[in-house]
C-alpha atoms as a PDB file:
ATOM      1  CA  MET A   1      84.776  90.819 165.457  1.00  0.00           C
ATOM      2  CA  GLY A   2      85.657  91.346 161.799  1.00  0.00           C
ATOM      3  CA  VAL A   3      87.365  93.813 159.538  1.00  0.00           C
ATOM      4  CA  LEU A   4      85.110  96.084 157.509  1.00  0.00           C
ATOM      5  CA  ARG A   5      87.736  98.166 155.726  1.00  0.00           C
ATOM      6  CA  ILE A   6      90.766  96.733 153.930  1.00  0.00           C
ATOM      7  CA  VAL A   7      93.275  98.872 152.027  1.00  0.00           C
ATOM      8  CA  GLN A   8      95.012  96.726 149.417  1.00  0.00           C
ATOM      9  CA  GLY A   9      98.784  97.316 149.506  1.00  0.00           C
ATOM     10  CA  LYS A  10     101.504  96.191 147.106  1.00  0.00           C
ATOM     11  CA  ALA A  11     102.272  92.922 148.926  1.00  0.00           C
ATOM     12  CA  VAL A  12     102.230  91.406 152.399  1.00  0.00           C
ATOM     13  CA  THR A  13     105.956  92.084 152.664  1.00  0.00           C
ATOM     14  CA  HIS A  14     105.540  95.701 151.477  1.00  0.00           C
ATOM     15  CA  PRO A  15     102.118  96.937 152.701  1.00  0.00           C
ATOM     16  CA  PHE A  16     103.028 100.646 152.514  1.00  0.00           C
ATOM     17  CA  GLY A  17     105.514 100.751 149.676  1.00  0.00           C
ATOM     18  CA  ASP A  18     106.782  99.347 146.413  1.00  0.00           C
ATOM     19  CA  PRO A  19     110.502  98.530 146.377  1.00  0.00           C
ATOM     20  CA  GLU A  20     110.514  98.481 142.555  1.00  0.00           C
ATOM     21  CA  LEU A  21     109.862 102.258 142.369  1.00  0.00           C
ATOM     22  CA  ASP A  22     112.442 105.055 142.510  1.00  0.00           C
ATOM     23  CA  VAL A  23     112.404 107.380 145.525  1.00  0.00           C
ATOM     24  CA  ALA A  24     110.039 110.040 144.104  1.00  0.00           C
ATOM     25  CA  ASP A  25     107.540 107.481 142.827  1.00  0.00           C
ATOM     26  CA  GLU A  26     107.768 105.558 146.106  1.00  0.00           C
ATOM     27  CA  LEU A  27     106.802 108.674 148.073  1.00  0.00           C
ATOM     28  CA  GLU A  28     103.865 109.323 145.724  1.00  0.00           C
ATOM     29  CA  TYR A  29     102.723 105.717 146.107  1.00  0.00           C
ATOM     30  CA  ARG A  30     102.900 105.956 149.899  1.00  0.00           C
ATOM     31  CA  ARG A  31     100.875 109.171 149.797  1.00  0.00           C
ATOM     32  CA  ARG A  32      98.180 107.432 147.729  1.00  0.00           C
ATOM     33  CA  VAL A  33      98.074 104.551 150.249  1.00  0.00           C
ATOM     34  CA  VAL A  34      97.506 106.999 153.106  1.00  0.00           C
ATOM     35  CA  GLU A  35      94.890 108.966 151.132  1.00  0.00           C
ATOM     36  CA  THR A  36      93.089 105.705 150.333  1.00  0.00           C
ATOM     37  CA  ALA A  37      93.148 104.715 154.011  1.00  0.00           C
ATOM     38  CA  ILE A  38      91.652 108.059 155.017  1.00  0.00           C
ATOM     39  CA  SER A  39      88.937 107.690 152.375  1.00  0.00           C
ATOM     40  CA  ALA A  40      88.225 104.182 153.655  1.00  0.00           C
ATOM     41  CA  LEU A  41      87.743 105.500 157.184  1.00  0.00           C
ATOM     42  CA  GLU A  42      85.337 108.157 155.913  1.00  0.00           C
ATOM     43  CA  ALA A  43      83.266 105.691 153.862  1.00  0.00           C
ATOM     44  CA  GLU A  44      80.152 104.139 155.323  1.00  0.00           C
ATOM     45  CA  VAL A  45      80.303 100.381 154.943  1.00  0.00           C
ATOM     46  CA  SER A  46      78.138  97.581 156.273  1.00  0.00           C
ATOM     47  CA  GLU A  47      80.141  94.602 155.047  1.00  0.00           C
ATOM     48  CA  PRO A  48      83.848  93.921 154.417  1.00  0.00           C
ATOM     49  CA  THR A  49      85.051  96.251 151.675  1.00  0.00           C
ATOM     50  CA  VAL A  50      88.415  96.286 149.886  1.00  0.00           C
ATOM     51  CA  PHE A  51      89.763  99.694 148.882  1.00  0.00           C
ATOM     52  CA  ASP A  52      92.348  99.579 146.083  1.00  0.00           C
ATOM     53  CA  VAL A  53      95.103 102.152 145.943  1.00  0.00           C
ATOM     54  CA  VAL A  54      94.459 104.233 142.826  1.00  0.00           C
ATOM     55  CA  ALA A  55      97.166 104.088 140.153  1.00  0.00           C
ATOM     56  CA  SER A  56      99.262 107.190 139.575  1.00  0.00           C
ATOM     57  CA  ARG A  57      97.333 110.308 138.797  1.00  0.00           C
END
């Protein structure tokens, strides 16, 4: 059993956030992580694939 979809977070200690950001930017970053995860689930993959969180819009 393996992992086919990996969403790259900030760090192992902060997988869903970035403690260096202010509150508003932190919320935007978290939203992008969740949106990336949803896109990863929708994507068809046949081998392990890393999905990077897109930088600010």
